[in-house]
Amino acid sequence: MAQASSTAPAVRSLPPLISLTDAAATRLQHLYATAHEGQLLRVSVSTRGCSGQAYDMSFVSQPGEGDEVVKSHDVTVLVDRKATLFLIGSQMDYREGDLESGFVFTNPNEKGRCGCGESFHV
């Protein structure tokens, strides 16, 4: 008679929900210490644009019900629970150029972006 195996399957660890680059962390630390003191950045994904989804960011005074709390480089960022599947493994950066500056995302889940770069699809 064959004996059943009692070993549980190996649990595969997931990548971090979202991480920050040094530049993004530095910019958020500055914002948290000045214009947005006492607030936290909340990242979500909304339905809009040519490709279907877009990143939304807003400052809030406290986490919402179900928000994921992410710490990276000693900086706290909130992620809307409904956005987690779209953002797993993403990296948030802050870039400054001659004519514009802002936060940008490198998201391994993206399958494409619209021509203007405002929206993406998975």
N, C-alpha and C. Protein backbone atom coordinates (compact mmCIF):
# COMPACT_ATOMS: atom_id res chain seq x y z
N MET A 1 0.85 -1.17 0.00
CA MET A 1 0.00 0.00 0.00
C MET A 1 0.90 1.24 0.00
N ALA A 2 0.61 2.17 -0.88
CA ALA A 2 1.42 3.39 -1.00
C ALA A 2 1.08 4.33 0.14
N GLN A 3 2.08 5.00 0.60
CA GLN A 3 1.89 5.92 1.71
C GLN A 3 1.81 7.36 1.17
N ALA A 4 0.85 8.14 1.67
CA ALA A 4 0.68 9.52 1.22
C ALA A 4 1.78 10.39 1.81
N SER A 5 2.21 11.35 1.03
CA SER A 5 3.25 12.28 1.48
C SER A 5 2.64 13.33 2.39
N SER A 6 3.29 13.60 3.49
CA SER A 6 2.75 14.57 4.44
C SER A 6 3.46 15.92 4.37
N THR A 7 4.36 16.07 3.41
CA THR A 7 5.06 17.36 3.29
C THR A 7 4.21 18.35 2.52
N ALA A 8 4.14 19.52 3.05
CA ALA A 8 3.37 20.59 2.41
C ALA A 8 4.17 21.14 1.23
N PRO A 9 3.46 21.62 0.21
CA PRO A 9 4.18 22.21 -0.92
C PRO A 9 4.97 23.43 -0.47
N ALA A 10 6.07 23.67 -1.14
CA ALA A 10 6.90 24.83 -0.80
C ALA A 10 6.14 26.11 -1.10
N VAL A 11 6.26 27.06 -0.20
CA VAL A 11 5.61 28.36 -0.39
C VAL A 11 6.59 29.26 -1.13
N ARG A 12 6.11 29.80 -2.25
CA ARG A 12 6.93 30.69 -3.05
C ARG A 12 6.74 32.11 -2.54
N SER A 13 7.83 32.79 -2.27
CA SER A 13 7.70 34.15 -1.76
C SER A 13 7.38 35.10 -2.91
N LEU A 14 6.53 36.06 -2.62
CA LEU A 14 6.13 37.05 -3.61
C LEU A 14 7.13 38.21 -3.60
N PRO A 15 7.27 38.88 -4.73
CA PRO A 15 8.11 40.07 -4.73
C PRO A 15 7.45 41.15 -3.87
N PRO A 16 8.21 42.15 -3.44
CA PRO A 16 7.58 43.22 -2.66
C PRO A 16 6.45 43.86 -3.46
N LEU A 17 5.44 44.32 -2.78
CA LEU A 17 4.30 44.94 -3.46
C LEU A 17 4.78 46.11 -4.32
N ILE A 18 5.54 46.99 -3.71
CA ILE A 18 6.10 48.14 -4.44
C ILE A 18 7.37 48.56 -3.70
N SER A 19 8.35 49.01 -4.43
CA SER A 19 9.58 49.51 -3.82
C SER A 19 9.86 50.90 -4.35
N LEU A 20 10.67 51.63 -3.61
CA LEU A 20 11.04 52.99 -4.00
C LEU A 20 12.51 53.03 -4.35
N THR A 21 12.86 53.83 -5.33
CA THR A 21 14.27 54.09 -5.59
C THR A 21 14.75 55.11 -4.56
N ASP A 22 16.06 55.31 -4.50
CA ASP A 22 16.60 56.32 -3.59
C ASP A 22 16.02 57.70 -3.91
N ALA A 23 15.89 58.02 -5.20
CA ALA A 23 15.37 59.33 -5.61
C ALA A 23 13.93 59.51 -5.17
N ALA A 24 13.10 58.48 -5.31
CA ALA A 24 11.70 58.57 -4.90
C ALA A 24 11.60 58.73 -3.39
N ALA A 25 12.41 57.98 -2.66
CA ALA A 25 12.38 58.07 -1.19
C ALA A 25 12.82 59.46 -0.73
N THR A 26 13.85 59.99 -1.34
CA THR A 26 14.34 61.33 -0.97
C THR A 26 13.27 62.38 -1.25
N ARG A 27 12.60 62.29 -2.39
CA ARG A 27 11.57 63.26 -2.73
C ARG A 27 10.38 63.15 -1.77
N LEU A 28 9.97 61.93 -1.44
CA LEU A 28 8.87 61.76 -0.50
C LEU A 28 9.24 62.25 0.89
N GLN A 29 10.47 61.99 1.33
CA GLN A 29 10.90 62.50 2.64
C GLN A 29 10.79 64.02 2.66
N HIS A 30 11.18 64.67 1.57
CA HIS A 30 11.08 66.14 1.49
C HIS A 30 9.61 66.58 1.54
N LEU A 31 8.75 65.91 0.77
CA LEU A 31 7.34 66.27 0.76
C LEU A 31 6.68 66.04 2.12
N TYR A 32 7.03 64.92 2.76
CA TYR A 32 6.47 64.61 4.08
C TYR A 32 6.94 65.62 5.14
N ALA A 33 8.11 66.21 4.95
CA ALA A 33 8.65 67.16 5.93
C ALA A 33 8.20 68.59 5.67
N THR A 34 7.64 68.85 4.49
CA THR A 34 7.28 70.23 4.14
C THR A 34 5.78 70.34 3.84
N ALA A 35 5.42 70.43 2.59
CA ALA A 35 4.05 70.71 2.17
C ALA A 35 3.04 69.65 2.61
N HIS A 36 3.48 68.42 2.82
CA HIS A 36 2.55 67.34 3.16
C HIS A 36 2.88 66.71 4.51
N GLU A 37 3.32 67.55 5.44
CA GLU A 37 3.64 67.08 6.79
C GLU A 37 2.40 66.46 7.42
N GLY A 38 2.56 65.29 8.01
CA GLY A 38 1.45 64.60 8.66
C GLY A 38 0.59 63.79 7.70
N GLN A 39 0.97 63.74 6.43
CA GLN A 39 0.21 62.99 5.44
C GLN A 39 1.05 61.85 4.88
N LEU A 40 0.39 60.95 4.16
CA LEU A 40 1.06 59.84 3.50
C LEU A 40 0.61 59.80 2.04
N LEU A 41 1.50 59.34 1.17
CA LEU A 41 1.15 59.17 -0.24
C LEU A 41 0.38 57.87 -0.39
N ARG A 42 -0.74 57.93 -1.11
CA ARG A 42 -1.56 56.75 -1.40
C ARG A 42 -1.54 56.52 -2.89
N VAL A 43 -1.14 55.31 -3.30
CA VAL A 43 -1.06 54.94 -4.70
C VAL A 43 -2.24 54.02 -5.02
N SER A 44 -2.93 54.34 -6.11
CA SER A 44 -4.03 53.49 -6.56
C SER A 44 -3.99 53.41 -8.08
N VAL A 45 -4.86 52.61 -8.63
CA VAL A 45 -4.98 52.47 -10.08
C VAL A 45 -6.42 52.75 -10.44
N SER A 46 -6.63 53.61 -11.42
CA SER A 46 -7.99 53.94 -11.85
C SER A 46 -8.17 53.52 -13.31
N THR A 47 -9.43 53.44 -13.71
CA THR A 47 -9.76 53.12 -15.09
C THR A 47 -9.87 54.42 -15.86
N ARG A 48 -8.91 54.63 -16.77
CA ARG A 48 -8.95 55.82 -17.63
C ARG A 48 -7.84 55.74 -18.66
N GLY A 49 -7.89 56.64 -19.59
CA GLY A 49 -6.85 56.72 -20.61
C GLY A 49 -7.09 55.76 -21.76
N CYS A 50 -6.22 55.82 -22.73
CA CYS A 50 -6.33 55.01 -23.95
C CYS A 50 -6.17 53.52 -23.68
N SER A 51 -5.31 53.16 -22.73
CA SER A 51 -4.99 51.75 -22.51
C SER A 51 -5.79 51.10 -21.39
N GLY A 52 -6.53 51.85 -20.62
CA GLY A 52 -7.41 51.24 -19.62
C GLY A 52 -7.13 51.58 -18.17
N GLN A 53 -5.87 51.60 -17.73
CA GLN A 53 -5.55 51.89 -16.34
C GLN A 53 -4.52 53.02 -16.25
N ALA A 54 -4.58 53.73 -15.15
CA ALA A 54 -3.62 54.80 -14.90
C ALA A 54 -3.28 54.82 -13.42
N TYR A 55 -2.07 55.24 -13.12
CA TYR A 55 -1.64 55.37 -11.73
C TYR A 55 -2.23 56.66 -11.16
N ASP A 56 -2.76 56.56 -9.96
CA ASP A 56 -3.28 57.73 -9.25
C ASP A 56 -2.53 57.85 -7.94
N MET A 57 -2.16 59.06 -7.60
CA MET A 57 -1.48 59.31 -6.33
C MET A 57 -2.14 60.49 -5.66
N SER A 58 -2.34 60.35 -4.35
CA SER A 58 -2.92 61.44 -3.57
C SER A 58 -2.35 61.37 -2.16
N PHE A 59 -2.35 62.51 -1.51
CA PHE A 59 -1.90 62.57 -0.12
C PHE A 59 -3.12 62.46 0.77
N VAL A 60 -3.02 61.60 1.79
CA VAL A 60 -4.11 61.38 2.73
C VAL A 60 -3.58 61.51 4.15
N SER A 61 -4.50 61.78 5.07
CA SER A 61 -4.07 61.97 6.46
C SER A 61 -3.92 60.66 7.22
N GLN A 62 -4.58 59.60 6.75
CA GLN A 62 -4.45 58.30 7.40
C GLN A 62 -4.80 57.21 6.40
N PRO A 63 -4.34 55.99 6.67
CA PRO A 63 -4.67 54.88 5.75
C PRO A 63 -6.17 54.65 5.69
N GLY A 64 -6.64 54.29 4.50
CA GLY A 64 -8.03 53.92 4.34
C GLY A 64 -8.22 52.46 4.72
N GLU A 65 -9.47 52.07 4.86
CA GLU A 65 -9.76 50.69 5.21
C GLU A 65 -9.25 49.78 4.09
N GLY A 66 -8.39 48.86 4.44
CA GLY A 66 -7.86 47.92 3.46
C GLY A 66 -6.60 48.38 2.75
N ASP A 67 -6.13 49.59 3.01
CA ASP A 67 -4.88 50.03 2.37
C ASP A 67 -3.72 49.16 2.85
N GLU A 68 -2.83 48.83 1.94
CA GLU A 68 -1.60 48.12 2.29
C GLU A 68 -0.57 49.16 2.68
N VAL A 69 0.14 48.94 3.77
CA VAL A 69 1.19 49.86 4.22
C VAL A 69 2.52 49.30 3.77
N VAL A 70 3.23 50.06 2.95
CA VAL A 70 4.51 49.63 2.40
C VAL A 70 5.61 50.54 2.94
N LYS A 71 6.69 49.94 3.43
CA LYS A 71 7.85 50.71 3.89
C LYS A 71 9.03 50.36 3.01
N SER A 72 9.66 51.39 2.47
CA SER A 72 10.83 51.22 1.62
C SER A 72 11.75 52.40 1.89
N HIS A 73 13.01 52.15 2.17
CA HIS A 73 13.98 53.22 2.49
C HIS A 73 13.50 54.08 3.66
N ASP A 74 12.86 53.46 4.64
CA ASP A 74 12.33 54.17 5.82
C ASP A 74 11.26 55.19 5.46
N VAL A 75 10.59 54.99 4.34
CA VAL A 75 9.49 55.86 3.92
C VAL A 75 8.24 54.99 3.80
N THR A 76 7.12 55.51 4.28
CA THR A 76 5.86 54.78 4.21
C THR A 76 5.02 55.28 3.05
N VAL A 77 4.49 54.33 2.28
CA VAL A 77 3.58 54.61 1.18
C VAL A 77 2.38 53.69 1.35
N LEU A 78 1.20 54.18 1.04
CA LEU A 78 -0.01 53.37 1.11
C LEU A 78 -0.38 52.91 -0.30
N VAL A 79 -0.90 51.69 -0.40
CA VAL A 79 -1.35 51.17 -1.67
C VAL A 79 -2.79 50.70 -1.51
N ASP A 80 -3.66 51.19 -2.36
CA ASP A 80 -5.05 50.77 -2.36
C ASP A 80 -5.11 49.26 -2.61
N ARG A 81 -5.84 48.56 -1.78
CA ARG A 81 -5.91 47.09 -1.88
C ARG A 81 -6.36 46.66 -3.29
N LYS A 82 -7.26 47.42 -3.92
CA LYS A 82 -7.74 47.05 -5.26
C LYS A 82 -6.65 47.18 -6.32
N ALA A 83 -5.56 47.88 -6.00
CA ALA A 83 -4.48 48.07 -6.96
C ALA A 83 -3.35 47.05 -6.80
N THR A 84 -3.40 46.23 -5.76
CA THR A 84 -2.26 45.36 -5.46
C THR A 84 -1.92 44.40 -6.60
N LEU A 85 -2.92 43.80 -7.22
CA LEU A 85 -2.63 42.86 -8.30
C LEU A 85 -1.99 43.54 -9.50
N PHE A 86 -2.28 44.81 -9.70
CA PHE A 86 -1.68 45.55 -10.81
C PHE A 86 -0.25 46.01 -10.49
N LEU A 87 0.07 46.12 -9.19
CA LEU A 87 1.33 46.75 -8.78
C LEU A 87 2.39 45.81 -8.23
N ILE A 88 2.08 44.54 -8.00
CA ILE A 88 3.05 43.64 -7.38
C ILE A 88 4.37 43.68 -8.15
N GLY A 89 5.44 43.96 -7.43
CA GLY A 89 6.77 43.99 -8.01
C GLY A 89 7.16 45.31 -8.67
N SER A 90 6.30 46.31 -8.57
CA SER A 90 6.59 47.60 -9.21
C SER A 90 7.62 48.41 -8.43
N GLN A 91 8.26 49.30 -9.15
CA GLN A 91 9.22 50.22 -8.53
C GLN A 91 8.80 51.65 -8.87
N MET A 92 8.78 52.49 -7.85
CA MET A 92 8.44 53.89 -8.03
C MET A 92 9.73 54.70 -7.98
N ASP A 93 9.91 55.54 -8.98
CA ASP A 93 11.11 56.38 -9.08
C ASP A 93 10.67 57.83 -9.15
N TYR A 94 11.60 58.73 -8.93
CA TYR A 94 11.37 60.16 -9.11
C TYR A 94 12.42 60.67 -10.08
N ARG A 95 11.97 61.29 -11.15
CA ARG A 95 12.89 61.79 -12.18
C ARG A 95 12.67 63.28 -12.42
N GLU A 96 13.78 63.96 -12.62
CA GLU A 96 13.75 65.38 -12.95
C GLU A 96 14.38 65.58 -14.31
N GLY A 97 13.68 66.32 -15.17
CA GLY A 97 14.20 66.65 -16.49
C GLY A 97 14.23 68.15 -16.67
N ASP A 98 14.63 68.60 -17.83
CA ASP A 98 14.68 70.03 -18.11
C ASP A 98 13.29 70.68 -18.05
N LEU A 99 12.27 69.96 -18.52
CA LEU A 99 10.95 70.56 -18.62
C LEU A 99 9.89 69.93 -17.73
N GLU A 100 10.22 68.81 -17.10
CA GLU A 100 9.23 68.18 -16.23
C GLU A 100 9.91 67.33 -15.16
N SER A 101 9.18 67.07 -14.11
CA SER A 101 9.67 66.17 -13.07
C SER A 101 8.47 65.46 -12.47
N GLY A 102 8.71 64.28 -11.91
CA GLY A 102 7.61 63.57 -11.29
C GLY A 102 7.95 62.13 -10.99
N PHE A 103 6.99 61.48 -10.36
CA PHE A 103 7.13 60.07 -10.03
C PHE A 103 6.76 59.24 -11.25
N VAL A 104 7.53 58.18 -11.48
CA VAL A 104 7.27 57.26 -12.59
C VAL A 104 7.34 55.83 -12.05
N PHE A 105 6.63 54.93 -12.70
CA PHE A 105 6.57 53.55 -12.27
C PHE A 105 7.18 52.62 -13.30
N THR A 106 7.95 51.66 -12.82
CA THR A 106 8.41 50.54 -13.63
C THR A 106 7.64 49.35 -13.11
N ASN A 107 6.73 48.85 -13.96
CA ASN A 107 5.80 47.82 -13.52
C ASN A 107 5.96 46.57 -14.38
N PRO A 108 6.42 45.46 -13.79
CA PRO A 108 6.61 44.23 -14.57
C PRO A 108 5.30 43.62 -15.06
N ASN A 109 4.18 44.08 -14.56
CA ASN A 109 2.87 43.55 -14.95
C ASN A 109 2.31 44.22 -16.20
N GLU A 110 2.86 45.37 -16.58
CA GLU A 110 2.36 46.09 -17.74
C GLU A 110 2.62 45.29 -19.01
N LYS A 111 1.61 45.23 -19.85
CA LYS A 111 1.75 44.59 -21.16
C LYS A 111 1.90 45.64 -22.25
N GLY A 112 1.56 46.89 -21.94
CA GLY A 112 1.68 47.96 -22.92
C GLY A 112 1.22 49.28 -22.34
N ARG A 113 1.59 50.36 -23.04
CA ARG A 113 1.21 51.72 -22.64
C ARG A 113 0.63 52.43 -23.85
N CYS A 114 -0.15 53.45 -23.58
CA CYS A 114 -0.67 54.26 -24.67
C CYS A 114 0.46 55.15 -25.20
N GLY A 115 0.26 55.75 -26.33
CA GLY A 115 1.29 56.57 -26.97
C GLY A 115 1.74 57.76 -26.14
N CYS A 116 0.83 58.36 -25.38
CA CYS A 116 1.20 59.53 -24.57
C CYS A 116 1.84 59.13 -23.25
N GLY A 117 1.76 57.83 -22.89
CA GLY A 117 2.37 57.36 -21.66
C GLY A 117 1.54 57.56 -20.41
N GLU A 118 0.30 58.05 -20.57
CA GLU A 118 -0.55 58.33 -19.40
C GLU A 118 -1.19 57.07 -18.82
N SER A 119 -1.46 56.07 -19.65
CA SER A 119 -2.15 54.89 -19.15
C SER A 119 -1.45 53.62 -19.62
N PHE A 120 -1.84 52.50 -19.01
CA PHE A 120 -1.23 51.21 -19.30
C PHE A 120 -2.28 50.12 -19.26
N HIS A 121 -1.93 48.94 -19.72
CA HIS A 121 -2.80 47.78 -19.58
C HIS A 121 -1.98 46.57 -19.16
N VAL A 122 -2.67 45.64 -18.47
CA VAL A 122 -2.02 44.43 -17.99
C VAL A 122 -2.63 43.23 -18.67
